[in-house]
Amino acid sequence: MSAAGEGRLERTRSQRLRLAASVALVAVAVLFAALNLDYVRVNWVVATTDTPLIVVITVCLLVGAGIGWILARRRAR
């Protein structure tokens, strides 16, 4: 039989710090977005609309995360 803890992935200190920093940044981003509920006029590529600021912040965060993910994958190659 297997010993207790076998098969469990152990994280290095830098991985734990990166995870903690990521969780903290996500928490701050969610709090920041949730506190900004006002409507703002946004010039999208195809139209201009009054959009809740939380939507604008969320779109910006997702675009930034996507660009970061793509660049990280390119660097890993």
N, C-alpha and C. Protein backbone atom coordinates (compact mmCIF):
# COMPACT_ATOMS: atom_id res chain seq x y z
N MET A 1 0.83 -1.19 0.00
CA MET A 1 0.00 0.00 0.00
C MET A 1 0.88 1.25 0.00
N SER A 2 0.27 2.36 -0.32
CA SER A 2 1.04 3.59 -0.41
C SER A 2 1.06 4.30 0.94
N ALA A 3 2.15 4.99 1.18
CA ALA A 3 2.29 5.75 2.42
C ALA A 3 1.46 7.03 2.33
N ALA A 4 1.13 7.58 3.46
CA ALA A 4 0.34 8.82 3.49
C ALA A 4 1.13 9.94 2.84
N GLY A 5 0.47 10.71 1.98
CA GLY A 5 1.12 11.84 1.33
C GLY A 5 1.71 11.50 -0.02
N GLU A 6 1.83 10.23 -0.35
CA GLU A 6 2.36 9.87 -1.66
C GLU A 6 1.38 10.27 -2.73
N GLY A 7 1.90 10.69 -3.86
CA GLY A 7 1.03 11.11 -4.94
C GLY A 7 0.57 12.56 -4.81
N ARG A 8 0.84 13.15 -3.67
CA ARG A 8 0.47 14.55 -3.46
C ARG A 8 1.58 15.43 -4.00
N LEU A 9 1.21 16.46 -4.76
CA LEU A 9 2.21 17.35 -5.32
C LEU A 9 2.69 18.33 -4.25
N GLU A 10 3.99 18.38 -4.08
CA GLU A 10 4.57 19.34 -3.15
C GLU A 10 4.97 20.58 -3.94
N ARG A 11 4.62 21.74 -3.45
CA ARG A 11 4.95 22.99 -4.12
C ARG A 11 6.21 23.58 -3.50
N THR A 12 7.02 24.18 -4.35
CA THR A 12 8.20 24.86 -3.86
C THR A 12 7.78 26.18 -3.22
N ARG A 13 8.71 26.80 -2.53
CA ARG A 13 8.41 28.07 -1.86
C ARG A 13 8.02 29.13 -2.88
N SER A 14 8.73 29.19 -4.00
CA SER A 14 8.41 30.21 -5.00
C SER A 14 7.04 29.96 -5.63
N GLN A 15 6.64 28.70 -5.79
CA GLN A 15 5.31 28.40 -6.32
C GLN A 15 4.23 28.81 -5.33
N ARG A 16 4.47 28.58 -4.04
CA ARG A 16 3.49 28.99 -3.02
C ARG A 16 3.37 30.51 -2.97
N LEU A 17 4.50 31.23 -3.08
CA LEU A 17 4.47 32.68 -3.08
C LEU A 17 3.75 33.21 -4.32
N ARG A 18 4.00 32.60 -5.47
CA ARG A 18 3.33 33.02 -6.71
C ARG A 18 1.83 32.80 -6.59
N LEU A 19 1.42 31.67 -6.04
CA LEU A 19 0.01 31.38 -5.85
C LEU A 19 -0.64 32.38 -4.90
N ALA A 20 0.03 32.67 -3.80
CA ALA A 20 -0.51 33.63 -2.82
C ALA A 20 -0.63 35.02 -3.45
N ALA A 21 0.38 35.43 -4.21
CA ALA A 21 0.33 36.74 -4.86
C ALA A 21 -0.79 36.78 -5.90
N SER A 22 -0.98 35.71 -6.62
CA SER A 22 -2.05 35.65 -7.62
C SER A 22 -3.42 35.75 -6.96
N VAL A 23 -3.60 35.03 -5.89
CA VAL A 23 -4.88 35.07 -5.17
C VAL A 23 -5.13 36.48 -4.63
N ALA A 24 -4.09 37.11 -4.07
CA ALA A 24 -4.24 38.46 -3.54
C ALA A 24 -4.59 39.46 -4.65
N LEU A 25 -3.93 39.35 -5.80
CA LEU A 25 -4.22 40.25 -6.92
C LEU A 25 -5.63 40.05 -7.45
N VAL A 26 -6.06 38.82 -7.54
CA VAL A 26 -7.43 38.55 -8.01
C VAL A 26 -8.44 39.13 -7.02
N ALA A 27 -8.18 38.97 -5.73
CA ALA A 27 -9.09 39.50 -4.71
C ALA A 27 -9.19 41.02 -4.79
N VAL A 28 -8.05 41.69 -4.97
CA VAL A 28 -8.04 43.15 -5.09
C VAL A 28 -8.78 43.57 -6.36
N ALA A 29 -8.54 42.87 -7.47
CA ALA A 29 -9.20 43.20 -8.74
C ALA A 29 -10.72 43.03 -8.63
N VAL A 30 -11.16 41.95 -8.01
CA VAL A 30 -12.60 41.71 -7.84
C VAL A 30 -13.21 42.79 -6.95
N LEU A 31 -12.55 43.11 -5.86
CA LEU A 31 -13.05 44.16 -4.96
C LEU A 31 -13.11 45.51 -5.67
N PHE A 32 -12.06 45.84 -6.40
CA PHE A 32 -12.01 47.10 -7.15
C PHE A 32 -13.13 47.18 -8.17
N ALA A 33 -13.35 46.10 -8.90
CA ALA A 33 -14.42 46.08 -9.91
C ALA A 33 -15.79 46.18 -9.25
N ALA A 34 -15.99 45.47 -8.15
CA ALA A 34 -17.29 45.45 -7.49
C ALA A 34 -17.65 46.82 -6.89
N LEU A 35 -16.67 47.61 -6.54
CA LEU A 35 -16.94 48.91 -5.94
C LEU A 35 -17.19 50.00 -6.97
N ASN A 36 -16.97 49.70 -8.25
CA ASN A 36 -17.14 50.69 -9.32
C ASN A 36 -18.33 50.31 -10.18
N LEU A 37 -19.52 50.69 -9.74
CA LEU A 37 -20.75 50.30 -10.42
C LEU A 37 -21.35 51.42 -11.26
N ASP A 38 -20.73 52.59 -11.30
CA ASP A 38 -21.26 53.70 -12.08
C ASP A 38 -21.22 53.39 -13.58
N TYR A 39 -22.06 54.10 -14.32
CA TYR A 39 -22.07 53.95 -15.78
C TYR A 39 -21.11 54.97 -16.39
N VAL A 40 -20.39 54.55 -17.41
CA VAL A 40 -19.47 55.43 -18.13
C VAL A 40 -19.71 55.27 -19.62
N ARG A 41 -19.41 56.33 -20.37
CA ARG A 41 -19.54 56.27 -21.83
C ARG A 41 -18.26 55.65 -22.37
N VAL A 42 -18.41 54.56 -23.13
CA VAL A 42 -17.27 53.83 -23.66
C VAL A 42 -17.35 53.82 -25.18
N ASN A 43 -16.25 54.18 -25.83
CA ASN A 43 -16.15 54.10 -27.28
C ASN A 43 -15.56 52.74 -27.64
N TRP A 44 -16.45 51.76 -27.87
CA TRP A 44 -16.01 50.45 -28.32
C TRP A 44 -15.59 50.59 -29.79
N VAL A 45 -15.06 49.57 -30.36
CA VAL A 45 -14.58 49.63 -31.74
C VAL A 45 -15.73 49.92 -32.71
N VAL A 46 -16.90 49.35 -32.45
CA VAL A 46 -18.02 49.47 -33.39
C VAL A 46 -19.11 50.42 -32.95
N ALA A 47 -19.14 50.82 -31.69
CA ALA A 47 -20.22 51.67 -31.21
C ALA A 47 -19.80 52.38 -29.92
N THR A 48 -20.58 53.37 -29.53
CA THR A 48 -20.39 54.06 -28.26
C THR A 48 -21.62 53.78 -27.39
N THR A 49 -21.37 53.30 -26.18
CA THR A 49 -22.48 52.94 -25.29
C THR A 49 -22.18 53.40 -23.87
N ASP A 50 -23.24 53.52 -23.08
CA ASP A 50 -23.10 53.72 -21.64
C ASP A 50 -23.03 52.33 -21.02
N THR A 51 -21.91 52.05 -20.39
CA THR A 51 -21.63 50.71 -19.87
C THR A 51 -21.25 50.81 -18.40
N PRO A 52 -21.68 49.85 -17.58
CA PRO A 52 -21.24 49.86 -16.18
C PRO A 52 -19.71 49.74 -16.11
N LEU A 53 -19.11 50.51 -15.24
CA LEU A 53 -17.65 50.51 -15.10
C LEU A 53 -17.13 49.12 -14.73
N ILE A 54 -17.92 48.34 -14.00
CA ILE A 54 -17.49 46.99 -13.64
C ILE A 54 -17.25 46.14 -14.89
N VAL A 55 -18.06 46.35 -15.94
CA VAL A 55 -17.87 45.62 -17.19
C VAL A 55 -16.58 46.04 -17.87
N VAL A 56 -16.32 47.34 -17.89
CA VAL A 56 -15.11 47.86 -18.51
C VAL A 56 -13.87 47.31 -17.79
N ILE A 57 -13.89 47.34 -16.47
CA ILE A 57 -12.77 46.83 -15.68
C ILE A 57 -12.58 45.35 -15.92
N THR A 58 -13.67 44.59 -15.93
CA THR A 58 -13.57 43.14 -16.14
C THR A 58 -13.02 42.82 -17.52
N VAL A 59 -13.48 43.53 -18.54
CA VAL A 59 -12.97 43.30 -19.91
C VAL A 59 -11.48 43.61 -19.95
N CYS A 60 -11.06 44.70 -19.34
CA CYS A 60 -9.64 45.05 -19.33
C CYS A 60 -8.81 44.00 -18.60
N LEU A 61 -9.31 43.52 -17.47
CA LEU A 61 -8.59 42.48 -16.73
C LEU A 61 -8.47 41.19 -17.55
N LEU A 62 -9.55 40.81 -18.22
CA LEU A 62 -9.52 39.59 -19.03
C LEU A 62 -8.58 39.73 -20.23
N VAL A 63 -8.60 40.89 -20.88
CA VAL A 63 -7.69 41.12 -22.01
C VAL A 63 -6.24 41.08 -21.51
N GLY A 64 -5.96 41.72 -20.40
CA GLY A 64 -4.61 41.70 -19.84
C GLY A 64 -4.16 40.31 -19.44
N ALA A 65 -5.06 39.54 -18.83
CA ALA A 65 -4.71 38.16 -18.45
C ALA A 65 -4.47 37.31 -19.69
N GLY A 66 -5.27 37.52 -20.72
CA GLY A 66 -5.08 36.77 -21.97
C GLY A 66 -3.75 37.08 -22.62
N ILE A 67 -3.40 38.36 -22.67
CA ILE A 67 -2.11 38.75 -23.25
C ILE A 67 -0.95 38.18 -22.41
N GLY A 68 -1.07 38.25 -21.11
CA GLY A 68 -0.03 37.68 -20.24
C GLY A 68 0.11 36.18 -20.43
N TRP A 69 -1.01 35.49 -20.57
CA TRP A 69 -0.98 34.04 -20.77
C TRP A 69 -0.30 33.70 -22.09
N ILE A 70 -0.65 34.44 -23.15
CA ILE A 70 -0.04 34.20 -24.47
C ILE A 70 1.46 34.46 -24.42
N LEU A 71 1.87 35.56 -23.80
CA LEU A 71 3.29 35.87 -23.71
C LEU A 71 4.05 34.86 -22.87
N ALA A 72 3.44 34.37 -21.80
CA ALA A 72 4.08 33.35 -20.96
C ALA A 72 4.27 32.05 -21.74
N ARG A 73 3.30 31.69 -22.55
CA ARG A 73 3.42 30.46 -23.37
C ARG A 73 4.53 30.62 -24.41
N ARG A 74 4.63 31.82 -24.99
CA ARG A 74 5.67 32.05 -26.00
C ARG A 74 7.06 31.99 -25.36
N ARG A 75 7.18 32.51 -24.14
CA ARG A 75 8.48 32.50 -23.45
C ARG A 75 8.88 31.09 -23.07
N ALA A 76 7.91 30.23 -22.76
CA ALA A 76 8.19 28.86 -22.33
C ALA A 76 8.73 27.99 -23.46
N ARG A 77 8.47 28.38 -24.69
CA ARG A 77 8.94 27.56 -25.83
C ARG A 77 10.40 27.64 -26.04
